[in-house]
Amino acid sequence: MTLDDLLFDIHVLEYELQSFERRFGVLSEMFYEVWSQGEEPADSSWVLPWAAWAGAYESWRDYRSEYMQATTPNPIPTSLNCPVPIRTTNTSRPTSNTTAFPRPVSPSTRPICLF
């Protein structure tokens, strides 16, 4: 499974978990803690939805853990090496007021990458 697949599945499961949370009025983490301790629903018609909710939560937790492990060495790049800068900024102060947007001058010009 690729990272894109994991991320897609995580988002689908989050949507499903939010649906259960709205239906039953409880956050998934709180529900799962009680469920894992053997708590049964008071209404027998909730047994199957609670089992589905618990399964979705376990899958979400496992996929999220797998995603985090796959990205742990460098979850955030230490240097931003963009192939193409989105825009360029000038870090030096303008020397004249002839233009509102001074031209970038090397070496104070640096690319800004937007991810």
N, C-alpha and C. Protein backbone atom coordinates (compact mmCIF):
# COMPACT_ATOMS: atom_id res chain seq x y z
N MET A 1 0.85 -1.18 0.00
CA MET A 1 0.00 0.00 0.00
C MET A 1 0.90 1.24 0.00
N THR A 2 0.63 2.16 -0.90
CA THR A 2 1.43 3.38 -0.99
C THR A 2 0.99 4.38 0.08
N LEU A 3 1.80 5.42 0.29
CA LEU A 3 1.44 6.46 1.24
C LEU A 3 0.15 7.17 0.80
N ASP A 4 0.00 7.35 -0.50
CA ASP A 4 -1.23 7.97 -1.01
C ASP A 4 -2.45 7.12 -0.69
N ASP A 5 -2.30 5.80 -0.85
CA ASP A 5 -3.41 4.89 -0.52
C ASP A 5 -3.74 4.95 0.97
N LEU A 6 -2.70 4.95 1.80
CA LEU A 6 -2.92 5.04 3.24
C LEU A 6 -3.64 6.33 3.61
N LEU A 7 -3.17 7.43 3.05
CA LEU A 7 -3.76 8.72 3.36
C LEU A 7 -5.22 8.78 2.90
N PHE A 8 -5.49 8.23 1.73
CA PHE A 8 -6.86 8.19 1.23
C PHE A 8 -7.75 7.39 2.17
N ASP A 9 -7.28 6.20 2.57
CA ASP A 9 -8.06 5.35 3.47
C ASP A 9 -8.26 6.01 4.83
N ILE A 10 -7.24 6.71 5.32
CA ILE A 10 -7.37 7.42 6.59
C ILE A 10 -8.48 8.46 6.50
N HIS A 11 -8.52 9.20 5.40
CA HIS A 11 -9.55 10.23 5.25
C HIS A 11 -10.94 9.63 5.11
N VAL A 12 -11.05 8.53 4.39
CA VAL A 12 -12.36 7.86 4.26
C VAL A 12 -12.83 7.38 5.64
N LEU A 13 -11.93 6.77 6.39
CA LEU A 13 -12.30 6.27 7.72
C LEU A 13 -12.63 7.41 8.67
N GLU A 14 -11.93 8.54 8.57
CA GLU A 14 -12.25 9.69 9.41
C GLU A 14 -13.66 10.19 9.14
N TYR A 15 -14.05 10.19 7.87
CA TYR A 15 -15.40 10.59 7.50
C TYR A 15 -16.43 9.63 8.12
N GLU A 16 -16.13 8.34 8.04
CA GLU A 16 -17.02 7.33 8.61
C GLU A 16 -17.09 7.47 10.14
N LEU A 17 -15.95 7.71 10.78
CA LEU A 17 -15.94 7.88 12.24
C LEU A 17 -16.75 9.10 12.64
N GLN A 18 -16.63 10.18 11.88
CA GLN A 18 -17.41 11.38 12.19
C GLN A 18 -18.90 11.12 12.07
N SER A 19 -19.28 10.27 11.13
CA SER A 19 -20.69 9.92 10.98
C SER A 19 -21.20 9.20 12.22
N PHE A 20 -20.41 8.23 12.73
CA PHE A 20 -20.80 7.53 13.96
C PHE A 20 -20.82 8.50 15.15
N GLU A 21 -19.85 9.40 15.22
CA GLU A 21 -19.79 10.36 16.32
C GLU A 21 -21.03 11.25 16.35
N ARG A 22 -21.47 11.71 15.18
CA ARG A 22 -22.68 12.53 15.11
C ARG A 22 -23.91 11.71 15.49
N ARG A 23 -23.95 10.45 15.05
CA ARG A 23 -25.11 9.60 15.32
C ARG A 23 -25.27 9.29 16.80
N PHE A 24 -24.14 8.98 17.46
CA PHE A 24 -24.21 8.55 18.86
C PHE A 24 -23.78 9.62 19.86
N GLY A 25 -23.25 10.74 19.39
CA GLY A 25 -22.90 11.85 20.28
C GLY A 25 -21.69 11.61 21.15
N VAL A 26 -20.75 10.81 20.68
CA VAL A 26 -19.55 10.49 21.46
C VAL A 26 -18.35 10.48 20.51
N LEU A 27 -17.20 11.00 20.96
CA LEU A 27 -15.99 10.91 20.16
C LEU A 27 -15.55 9.46 20.03
N SER A 28 -14.94 9.13 18.92
CA SER A 28 -14.53 7.75 18.65
C SER A 28 -13.55 7.22 19.68
N GLU A 29 -12.60 8.07 20.11
CA GLU A 29 -11.62 7.62 21.12
C GLU A 29 -12.30 7.21 22.41
N MET A 30 -13.28 8.00 22.84
CA MET A 30 -14.01 7.70 24.08
C MET A 30 -14.85 6.44 23.90
N PHE A 31 -15.54 6.33 22.76
CA PHE A 31 -16.34 5.15 22.48
C PHE A 31 -15.46 3.90 22.51
N TYR A 32 -14.33 3.94 21.81
CA TYR A 32 -13.50 2.75 21.69
C TYR A 32 -12.92 2.31 23.03
N GLU A 33 -12.60 3.28 23.87
CA GLU A 33 -12.08 2.94 25.20
C GLU A 33 -13.13 2.15 25.99
N VAL A 34 -14.36 2.59 25.94
CA VAL A 34 -15.45 1.89 26.65
C VAL A 34 -15.74 0.55 25.98
N TRP A 35 -15.78 0.53 24.65
CA TRP A 35 -16.05 -0.70 23.90
C TRP A 35 -14.99 -1.75 24.19
N SER A 36 -13.73 -1.33 24.22
CA SER A 36 -12.64 -2.30 24.44
C SER A 36 -12.64 -2.86 25.86
N GLN A 37 -13.34 -2.19 26.77
CA GLN A 37 -13.47 -2.70 28.14
C GLN A 37 -14.68 -3.61 28.29
N GLY A 38 -15.37 -3.89 27.17
CA GLY A 38 -16.47 -4.85 27.19
C GLY A 38 -17.85 -4.25 27.36
N GLU A 39 -17.96 -2.94 27.28
CA GLU A 39 -19.27 -2.29 27.43
C GLU A 39 -20.17 -2.66 26.26
N GLU A 40 -21.39 -3.04 26.56
CA GLU A 40 -22.39 -3.40 25.55
C GLU A 40 -23.38 -2.25 25.41
N PRO A 41 -23.92 -2.05 24.21
CA PRO A 41 -24.92 -0.98 24.06
C PRO A 41 -26.21 -1.34 24.79
N ALA A 42 -26.88 -0.31 25.31
CA ALA A 42 -28.13 -0.53 26.02
C ALA A 42 -29.23 -0.97 25.06
N ASP A 43 -29.18 -0.48 23.85
CA ASP A 43 -30.18 -0.82 22.83
C ASP A 43 -29.59 -1.90 21.92
N SER A 44 -30.29 -3.01 21.79
CA SER A 44 -29.78 -4.13 20.99
C SER A 44 -29.65 -3.79 19.50
N SER A 45 -30.36 -2.77 19.05
CA SER A 45 -30.24 -2.38 17.64
C SER A 45 -28.92 -1.65 17.37
N TRP A 46 -28.20 -1.32 18.42
CA TRP A 46 -26.92 -0.63 18.26
C TRP A 46 -25.74 -1.59 18.18
N VAL A 47 -25.95 -2.87 18.40
CA VAL A 47 -24.84 -3.84 18.45
C VAL A 47 -24.05 -3.84 17.15
N LEU A 48 -24.72 -3.98 16.01
CA LEU A 48 -24.01 -4.02 14.72
C LEU A 48 -23.35 -2.68 14.39
N PRO A 49 -24.04 -1.55 14.56
CA PRO A 49 -23.35 -0.28 14.29
C PRO A 49 -22.14 -0.06 15.20
N TRP A 50 -22.23 -0.46 16.48
CA TRP A 50 -21.09 -0.31 17.38
C TRP A 50 -19.93 -1.20 16.95
N ALA A 51 -20.23 -2.40 16.48
CA ALA A 51 -19.17 -3.29 16.01
C ALA A 51 -18.51 -2.69 14.76
N ALA A 52 -19.29 -2.12 13.86
CA ALA A 52 -18.75 -1.47 12.67
C ALA A 52 -17.91 -0.26 13.06
N TRP A 53 -18.38 0.50 14.04
CA TRP A 53 -17.66 1.68 14.52
C TRP A 53 -16.32 1.26 15.11
N ALA A 54 -16.33 0.23 15.94
CA ALA A 54 -15.08 -0.26 16.54
C ALA A 54 -14.11 -0.73 15.46
N GLY A 55 -14.62 -1.44 14.45
CA GLY A 55 -13.77 -1.91 13.36
C GLY A 55 -13.18 -0.76 12.56
N ALA A 56 -14.00 0.26 12.29
CA ALA A 56 -13.51 1.44 11.56
C ALA A 56 -12.45 2.17 12.37
N TYR A 57 -12.66 2.26 13.68
CA TYR A 57 -11.68 2.94 14.53
C TYR A 57 -10.36 2.17 14.56
N GLU A 58 -10.44 0.85 14.69
CA GLU A 58 -9.21 0.04 14.69
C GLU A 58 -8.46 0.17 13.38
N SER A 59 -9.18 0.15 12.26
CA SER A 59 -8.54 0.31 10.96
C SER A 59 -7.91 1.69 10.84
N TRP A 60 -8.63 2.73 11.26
CA TRP A 60 -8.10 4.10 11.23
C TRP A 60 -6.82 4.20 12.05
N ARG A 61 -6.87 3.65 13.26
CA ARG A 61 -5.71 3.69 14.15
C ARG A 61 -4.52 2.95 13.53
N ASP A 62 -4.76 1.77 12.94
CA ASP A 62 -3.70 0.98 12.34
C ASP A 62 -3.11 1.66 11.11
N TYR A 63 -3.98 2.20 10.24
CA TYR A 63 -3.49 2.89 9.04
C TYR A 63 -2.70 4.14 9.41
N ARG A 64 -3.20 4.86 10.40
CA ARG A 64 -2.50 6.07 10.85
C ARG A 64 -1.13 5.71 11.42
N SER A 65 -1.06 4.65 12.20
CA SER A 65 0.22 4.19 12.75
C SER A 65 1.17 3.78 11.64
N GLU A 66 0.64 3.05 10.66
CA GLU A 66 1.47 2.63 9.52
C GLU A 66 1.99 3.84 8.74
N TYR A 67 1.13 4.84 8.55
CA TYR A 67 1.54 6.05 7.84
C TYR A 67 2.63 6.78 8.62
N MET A 68 2.44 6.90 9.92
CA MET A 68 3.43 7.60 10.76
C MET A 68 4.77 6.87 10.75
N GLN A 69 4.75 5.55 10.81
CA GLN A 69 5.98 4.78 10.77
C GLN A 69 6.69 4.94 9.44
N ALA A 70 5.92 5.00 8.37
CA ALA A 70 6.51 5.13 7.04
C ALA A 70 7.14 6.50 6.83
N THR A 71 6.68 7.50 7.55
CA THR A 71 7.18 8.86 7.37
C THR A 71 8.04 9.34 8.54
N THR A 72 8.31 8.49 9.50
CA THR A 72 9.04 8.89 10.70
C THR A 72 10.44 9.43 10.45
N PRO A 73 11.26 8.82 9.60
CA PRO A 73 12.62 9.35 9.47
C PRO A 73 12.67 10.83 9.15
N ASN A 74 11.85 11.30 8.23
CA ASN A 74 11.80 12.71 7.86
C ASN A 74 10.37 13.12 7.53
N PRO A 75 9.49 13.25 8.54
CA PRO A 75 8.12 13.61 8.25
C PRO A 75 8.01 15.01 7.64
N ILE A 76 8.94 15.90 8.01
CA ILE A 76 8.97 17.25 7.46
C ILE A 76 10.34 17.46 6.85
N PRO A 77 10.42 17.91 5.61
CA PRO A 77 11.73 18.10 4.99
C PRO A 77 12.58 19.07 5.79
N THR A 78 13.88 18.74 5.94
CA THR A 78 14.78 19.62 6.67
C THR A 78 15.25 20.78 5.81
N SER A 79 15.26 20.61 4.51
CA SER A 79 15.58 21.71 3.60
C SER A 79 14.56 21.72 2.49
N LEU A 80 14.15 22.88 2.13
CA LEU A 80 13.15 23.01 1.09
C LEU A 80 13.85 23.21 -0.25
N ASN A 81 14.03 22.12 -0.97
CA ASN A 81 14.64 22.19 -2.29
C ASN A 81 13.55 22.05 -3.33
N CYS A 82 12.99 23.16 -3.71
CA CYS A 82 11.91 23.13 -4.69
C CYS A 82 12.48 23.10 -6.08
N PRO A 83 11.91 22.27 -6.96
CA PRO A 83 12.39 22.27 -8.34
C PRO A 83 12.09 23.59 -9.03
N VAL A 84 10.94 24.20 -8.72
CA VAL A 84 10.58 25.48 -9.31
C VAL A 84 10.02 26.36 -8.20
N PRO A 85 10.62 27.50 -7.94
CA PRO A 85 10.08 28.37 -6.89
C PRO A 85 8.71 28.90 -7.28
N ILE A 86 7.83 29.00 -6.31
CA ILE A 86 6.51 29.54 -6.55
C ILE A 86 6.60 31.06 -6.76
N ARG A 87 7.34 31.72 -5.88
CA ARG A 87 7.58 33.15 -6.04
C ARG A 87 8.92 33.47 -5.40
N THR A 88 9.44 34.61 -5.71
CA THR A 88 10.73 35.03 -5.17
C THR A 88 10.52 36.27 -4.33
N THR A 89 11.18 36.31 -3.18
CA THR A 89 11.08 37.49 -2.34
C THR A 89 12.44 38.13 -2.20
N ASN A 90 12.44 39.40 -1.95
CA ASN A 90 13.66 40.15 -1.74
C ASN A 90 13.78 40.40 -0.25
N THR A 91 14.86 39.90 0.35
CA THR A 91 15.03 40.08 1.79
C THR A 91 15.79 41.35 2.13
N SER A 92 16.27 42.08 1.10
CA SER A 92 16.96 43.35 1.36
C SER A 92 15.95 44.49 1.34
N ARG A 93 16.30 45.57 1.99
CA ARG A 93 15.41 46.73 2.01
C ARG A 93 15.59 47.51 0.71
N PRO A 94 14.49 48.09 0.21
CA PRO A 94 14.62 48.89 -1.00
C PRO A 94 15.46 50.13 -0.73
N THR A 95 16.24 50.54 -1.71
CA THR A 95 17.11 51.70 -1.54
C THR A 95 16.44 52.98 -2.03
N SER A 96 15.38 52.84 -2.81
CA SER A 96 14.67 54.03 -3.27
C SER A 96 13.17 53.77 -3.26
N ASN A 97 12.42 54.82 -3.34
CA ASN A 97 10.97 54.69 -3.37
C ASN A 97 10.41 54.80 -4.79
N THR A 98 11.24 54.51 -5.79
CA THR A 98 10.78 54.65 -7.17
C THR A 98 9.81 53.55 -7.56
N THR A 99 9.85 52.42 -6.88
CA THR A 99 8.93 51.33 -7.20
C THR A 99 8.41 50.71 -5.91
N ALA A 100 7.18 50.33 -5.94
CA ALA A 100 6.58 49.70 -4.76
C ALA A 100 7.08 48.28 -4.58
N PHE A 101 7.52 47.65 -5.67
CA PHE A 101 7.97 46.27 -5.62
C PHE A 101 9.40 46.19 -6.14
N PRO A 102 10.38 46.30 -5.26
CA PRO A 102 11.77 46.26 -5.71
C PRO A 102 12.11 44.92 -6.33
N ARG A 103 13.01 44.96 -7.30
CA ARG A 103 13.45 43.73 -7.95
C ARG A 103 14.33 42.93 -7.01
N PRO A 104 14.21 41.61 -7.05
CA PRO A 104 15.09 40.77 -6.23
C PRO A 104 16.54 40.93 -6.68
N VAL A 105 17.42 40.98 -5.72
CA VAL A 105 18.85 41.12 -5.99
C VAL A 105 19.57 39.97 -5.32
N SER A 106 20.46 39.28 -6.04
CA SER A 106 21.25 38.20 -5.44
C SER A 106 22.27 38.80 -4.51
N PRO A 107 22.70 38.15 -3.47
CA PRO A 107 22.31 36.83 -2.99
C PRO A 107 21.15 36.87 -2.00
N SER A 108 20.51 38.01 -1.82
CA SER A 108 19.43 38.09 -0.84
C SER A 108 18.11 37.56 -1.38
N THR A 109 18.11 37.04 -2.59
CA THR A 109 16.91 36.48 -3.18
C THR A 109 16.80 35.02 -2.79
N ARG A 110 15.64 34.63 -2.34
CA ARG A 110 15.45 33.23 -1.96
C ARG A 110 14.12 32.74 -2.46
N PRO A 111 14.06 31.51 -2.96
CA PRO A 111 12.78 30.98 -3.42
C PRO A 111 11.91 30.60 -2.23
N ILE A 112 10.63 30.75 -2.41
CA ILE A 112 9.67 30.32 -1.40
C ILE A 112 8.84 29.21 -2.01
N CYS A 113 8.82 28.08 -1.34
CA CYS A 113 8.07 26.94 -1.84
C CYS A 113 6.80 26.77 -1.03
N LEU A 114 5.71 26.57 -1.70
CA LEU A 114 4.44 26.33 -1.02
C LEU A 114 4.04 24.89 -1.27
N PHE A 115 3.88 24.12 -0.22
CA PHE A 115 3.52 22.73 -0.34
C PHE A 115 2.07 22.57 -0.02
